[in-house]
N, C-alpha and C. Protein backbone atom coordinates (compact mmCIF):
# COMPACT_ATOMS: atom_id res chain seq x y z
N MET A 1 10.05 7.28 12.78
CA MET A 1 10.86 6.09 12.99
C MET A 1 10.16 4.93 12.27
N CYS A 2 10.89 4.16 11.47
CA CYS A 2 10.28 3.07 10.73
C CYS A 2 10.10 1.84 11.61
N ARG A 3 9.23 0.95 11.18
CA ARG A 3 8.93 -0.27 11.95
C ARG A 3 10.18 -1.09 12.21
N ARG A 4 11.01 -1.24 11.17
CA ARG A 4 12.21 -2.05 11.31
C ARG A 4 13.13 -1.49 12.40
N LYS A 5 13.29 -0.18 12.40
CA LYS A 5 14.15 0.48 13.39
C LYS A 5 13.58 0.31 14.79
N ILE A 6 12.26 0.44 14.93
CA ILE A 6 11.63 0.26 16.24
C ILE A 6 11.88 -1.14 16.75
N LEU A 7 11.68 -2.14 15.89
CA LEU A 7 11.89 -3.52 16.31
C LEU A 7 13.35 -3.79 16.67
N GLU A 8 14.28 -3.24 15.88
CA GLU A 8 15.71 -3.40 16.19
C GLU A 8 16.04 -2.76 17.54
N ASP A 9 15.53 -1.56 17.76
CA ASP A 9 15.79 -0.87 19.02
C ASP A 9 15.20 -1.62 20.21
N LEU A 10 14.02 -2.22 20.00
CA LEU A 10 13.41 -3.01 21.07
C LEU A 10 14.29 -4.21 21.42
N GLU A 11 14.77 -4.90 20.38
CA GLU A 11 15.62 -6.07 20.60
C GLU A 11 16.92 -5.70 21.31
N GLU A 12 17.48 -4.54 20.99
CA GLU A 12 18.73 -4.09 21.60
C GLU A 12 18.51 -3.50 22.99
N GLY A 13 17.27 -3.17 23.30
CA GLY A 13 16.97 -2.56 24.59
C GLY A 13 17.29 -1.08 24.63
N SER A 14 17.50 -0.47 23.47
CA SER A 14 17.86 0.94 23.44
C SER A 14 16.66 1.87 23.22
N LEU A 15 15.49 1.29 23.11
CA LEU A 15 14.28 2.08 22.88
C LEU A 15 13.63 2.39 24.22
N GLU A 16 13.45 3.66 24.49
CA GLU A 16 12.87 4.05 25.77
C GLU A 16 11.69 4.98 25.54
N TYR A 17 10.62 4.69 26.23
CA TYR A 17 9.42 5.51 26.21
C TYR A 17 9.04 5.84 27.64
N GLU A 18 8.42 6.98 27.82
CA GLU A 18 7.97 7.38 29.15
C GLU A 18 6.88 6.44 29.67
N THR A 19 5.97 6.06 28.75
CA THR A 19 4.84 5.20 29.14
C THR A 19 4.63 4.12 28.10
N VAL A 20 3.91 3.09 28.49
CA VAL A 20 3.54 2.04 27.54
C VAL A 20 2.61 2.64 26.49
N GLY A 21 1.74 3.55 26.91
CA GLY A 21 0.82 4.20 25.98
C GLY A 21 1.55 4.93 24.87
N GLU A 22 2.62 5.62 25.20
CA GLU A 22 3.43 6.34 24.21
C GLU A 22 4.05 5.35 23.22
N PHE A 23 4.52 4.25 23.74
CA PHE A 23 5.10 3.19 22.89
C PHE A 23 4.05 2.66 21.93
N LEU A 24 2.85 2.34 22.45
CA LEU A 24 1.80 1.77 21.61
C LEU A 24 1.33 2.75 20.54
N VAL A 25 1.25 4.02 20.88
CA VAL A 25 0.87 5.04 19.90
C VAL A 25 1.86 5.06 18.74
N ASN A 26 3.15 5.02 19.05
CA ASN A 26 4.17 5.03 18.00
C ASN A 26 4.13 3.77 17.15
N ILE A 27 3.95 2.63 17.77
CA ILE A 27 3.87 1.37 17.02
C ILE A 27 2.66 1.38 16.10
N LYS A 28 1.50 1.78 16.62
CA LYS A 28 0.28 1.81 15.80
C LYS A 28 0.43 2.74 14.61
N LYS A 29 1.06 3.88 14.82
CA LYS A 29 1.26 4.86 13.75
C LYS A 29 2.07 4.25 12.60
N GLU A 30 3.13 3.54 12.93
CA GLU A 30 3.98 2.94 11.90
C GLU A 30 3.26 1.82 11.16
N PHE A 31 2.54 0.98 11.89
CA PHE A 31 1.85 -0.13 11.25
C PHE A 31 0.63 0.35 10.45
N ARG A 32 0.01 1.43 10.86
CA ARG A 32 -1.15 1.97 10.14
C ARG A 32 -0.74 2.40 8.73
N LYS A 33 0.45 2.98 8.58
CA LYS A 33 0.92 3.40 7.26
C LYS A 33 0.99 2.20 6.33
N ARG A 34 1.53 1.11 6.82
CA ARG A 34 1.67 -0.11 6.01
C ARG A 34 0.30 -0.72 5.71
N ASP A 35 -0.60 -0.67 6.68
CA ASP A 35 -1.94 -1.21 6.47
C ASP A 35 -2.65 -0.50 5.32
N LYS A 36 -2.51 0.83 5.24
CA LYS A 36 -3.13 1.59 4.15
C LYS A 36 -2.59 1.13 2.81
N GLU A 37 -1.28 0.90 2.75
CA GLU A 37 -0.66 0.44 1.51
C GLU A 37 -1.19 -0.93 1.13
N ILE A 38 -1.32 -1.82 2.09
CA ILE A 38 -1.82 -3.17 1.83
C ILE A 38 -3.26 -3.13 1.31
N ILE A 39 -4.07 -2.26 1.88
CA ILE A 39 -5.46 -2.11 1.44
C ILE A 39 -5.50 -1.61 0.00
N LYS A 40 -4.65 -0.64 -0.33
CA LYS A 40 -4.60 -0.11 -1.71
C LYS A 40 -4.16 -1.20 -2.69
N ILE A 41 -3.19 -2.02 -2.31
CA ILE A 41 -2.72 -3.10 -3.18
C ILE A 41 -3.84 -4.11 -3.41
N ALA A 42 -4.56 -4.46 -2.36
CA ALA A 42 -5.66 -5.42 -2.49
C ALA A 42 -6.74 -4.88 -3.42
N LYS A 43 -7.05 -3.60 -3.29
CA LYS A 43 -8.05 -2.99 -4.17
C LYS A 43 -7.57 -3.01 -5.62
N LEU A 44 -6.30 -2.74 -5.82
CA LEU A 44 -5.71 -2.75 -7.16
C LEU A 44 -5.79 -4.14 -7.76
N LYS A 45 -5.55 -5.16 -6.96
CA LYS A 45 -5.58 -6.54 -7.46
C LYS A 45 -6.99 -7.03 -7.76
N ARG A 46 -7.99 -6.47 -7.09
CA ARG A 46 -9.39 -6.86 -7.34
C ARG A 46 -10.01 -6.11 -8.52
N LEU A 47 -9.38 -5.06 -8.95
CA LEU A 47 -9.91 -4.20 -10.00
C LEU A 47 -9.95 -4.93 -11.34
N GLU A 48 -11.06 -4.76 -12.04
CA GLU A 48 -11.20 -5.30 -13.40
C GLU A 48 -11.94 -4.29 -14.25
N GLN A 49 -11.61 -4.25 -15.53
CA GLN A 49 -12.28 -3.29 -16.42
C GLN A 49 -13.74 -3.67 -16.63
N GLU A 50 -14.00 -4.91 -16.86
CA GLU A 50 -15.34 -5.42 -17.12
C GLU A 50 -16.07 -4.57 -18.16
N GLU A 51 -17.20 -3.99 -17.81
CA GLU A 51 -18.02 -3.22 -18.76
C GLU A 51 -17.66 -1.74 -18.82
N LYS A 52 -16.66 -1.32 -18.07
CA LYS A 52 -16.28 0.10 -18.04
C LYS A 52 -15.58 0.48 -19.34
N THR A 53 -15.73 1.75 -19.71
CA THR A 53 -14.95 2.23 -20.85
C THR A 53 -13.49 2.31 -20.41
N MET A 54 -12.58 2.43 -21.35
CA MET A 54 -11.16 2.53 -21.01
C MET A 54 -10.92 3.77 -20.16
N GLU A 55 -11.59 4.87 -20.48
CA GLU A 55 -11.41 6.10 -19.71
C GLU A 55 -11.86 5.91 -18.26
N GLU A 56 -13.01 5.27 -18.06
CA GLU A 56 -13.50 5.00 -16.70
C GLU A 56 -12.53 4.08 -15.95
N PHE A 57 -12.07 3.07 -16.66
CA PHE A 57 -11.15 2.11 -16.05
C PHE A 57 -9.84 2.79 -15.64
N VAL A 58 -9.29 3.63 -16.51
CA VAL A 58 -8.03 4.33 -16.21
C VAL A 58 -8.19 5.20 -14.97
N GLN A 59 -9.30 5.92 -14.88
CA GLN A 59 -9.53 6.78 -13.71
C GLN A 59 -9.62 5.94 -12.43
N GLU A 60 -10.34 4.83 -12.49
CA GLU A 60 -10.46 3.96 -11.32
C GLU A 60 -9.11 3.34 -10.96
N PHE A 61 -8.35 2.96 -11.98
CA PHE A 61 -7.03 2.38 -11.75
C PHE A 61 -6.11 3.39 -11.09
N ARG A 62 -6.13 4.62 -11.56
CA ARG A 62 -5.29 5.67 -10.96
C ARG A 62 -5.61 5.87 -9.49
N ARG A 63 -6.91 5.91 -9.19
CA ARG A 63 -7.31 6.07 -7.78
C ARG A 63 -6.81 4.90 -6.93
N ALA A 64 -6.94 3.70 -7.44
CA ALA A 64 -6.52 2.51 -6.69
C ALA A 64 -4.99 2.45 -6.58
N ALA A 65 -4.28 2.89 -7.61
CA ALA A 65 -2.81 2.81 -7.62
C ALA A 65 -2.17 3.81 -6.67
N ARG A 66 -2.85 4.94 -6.46
CA ARG A 66 -2.33 5.96 -5.56
C ARG A 66 -2.10 5.36 -4.19
N GLU A 67 -0.93 5.57 -3.64
CA GLU A 67 -0.54 5.12 -2.30
C GLU A 67 -0.40 3.60 -2.19
N SER A 68 -0.39 2.88 -3.32
CA SER A 68 -0.23 1.42 -3.25
C SER A 68 1.23 1.03 -3.10
N GLY A 69 2.13 1.97 -3.42
CA GLY A 69 3.55 1.64 -3.37
C GLY A 69 4.03 1.02 -4.67
N TYR A 70 3.10 0.67 -5.56
CA TYR A 70 3.49 0.09 -6.84
C TYR A 70 4.03 1.19 -7.74
N GLU A 71 5.09 0.89 -8.45
CA GLU A 71 5.66 1.81 -9.41
C GLU A 71 6.11 1.06 -10.65
N ARG A 72 6.32 1.77 -11.69
CA ARG A 72 6.89 1.29 -12.94
C ARG A 72 6.36 -0.07 -13.38
N ARG A 73 7.25 -1.03 -13.52
CA ARG A 73 6.89 -2.33 -14.12
C ARG A 73 5.76 -3.05 -13.37
N PRO A 74 5.83 -3.17 -12.04
CA PRO A 74 4.72 -3.85 -11.35
C PRO A 74 3.37 -3.16 -11.58
N LEU A 75 3.38 -1.84 -11.66
CA LEU A 75 2.14 -1.10 -11.90
C LEU A 75 1.64 -1.34 -13.32
N VAL A 76 2.54 -1.37 -14.28
CA VAL A 76 2.16 -1.65 -15.68
C VAL A 76 1.60 -3.06 -15.80
N GLU A 77 2.25 -4.02 -15.16
CA GLU A 77 1.78 -5.40 -15.21
C GLU A 77 0.39 -5.53 -14.59
N GLU A 78 0.16 -4.84 -13.51
CA GLU A 78 -1.16 -4.87 -12.86
C GLU A 78 -2.21 -4.25 -13.78
N PHE A 79 -1.87 -3.16 -14.44
CA PHE A 79 -2.79 -2.51 -15.37
C PHE A 79 -3.16 -3.46 -16.50
N LYS A 80 -2.17 -4.11 -17.08
CA LYS A 80 -2.42 -5.05 -18.19
C LYS A 80 -3.28 -6.21 -17.74
N ARG A 81 -3.07 -6.69 -16.53
CA ARG A 81 -3.84 -7.82 -16.02
C ARG A 81 -5.30 -7.44 -15.79
N ASP A 82 -5.54 -6.21 -15.36
CA ASP A 82 -6.88 -5.77 -15.00
C ASP A 82 -7.76 -5.37 -16.17
N MET A 83 -7.15 -4.98 -17.28
CA MET A 83 -7.95 -4.47 -18.40
C MET A 83 -8.44 -5.60 -19.30
N ASN A 84 -9.49 -5.30 -20.06
CA ASN A 84 -10.00 -6.25 -21.06
C ASN A 84 -9.10 -6.19 -22.28
N GLY A 85 -8.78 -7.29 -22.88
CA GLY A 85 -8.03 -7.31 -24.13
C GLY A 85 -6.59 -6.89 -23.99
N THR A 86 -6.03 -6.38 -25.07
CA THR A 86 -4.64 -5.97 -25.10
C THR A 86 -4.51 -4.55 -25.62
N ILE A 87 -3.36 -3.97 -25.39
CA ILE A 87 -3.07 -2.63 -25.92
C ILE A 87 -2.40 -2.80 -27.27
N CYS A 88 -2.95 -2.13 -28.29
CA CYS A 88 -2.37 -2.23 -29.64
C CYS A 88 -1.37 -1.15 -29.88
């Protein structure tokens, strides 16, 4: 169940759990997924090529990009921002 759906169900009063503990476990699970994504995005934004070779930088960028939720154009823009110089 996604966070948005949980919040909508809570507002409507249609969400029922046996215990408060069960409710909290489900909420934490949904928010934990998003937290991981936010951490990956922050790491991606802090990444810089600096003294690394292009090969080293690409490998580090791939690791940071995994699970960030970034795709296509935003990922390309982040790559260009993080690397030294330009691509010829």
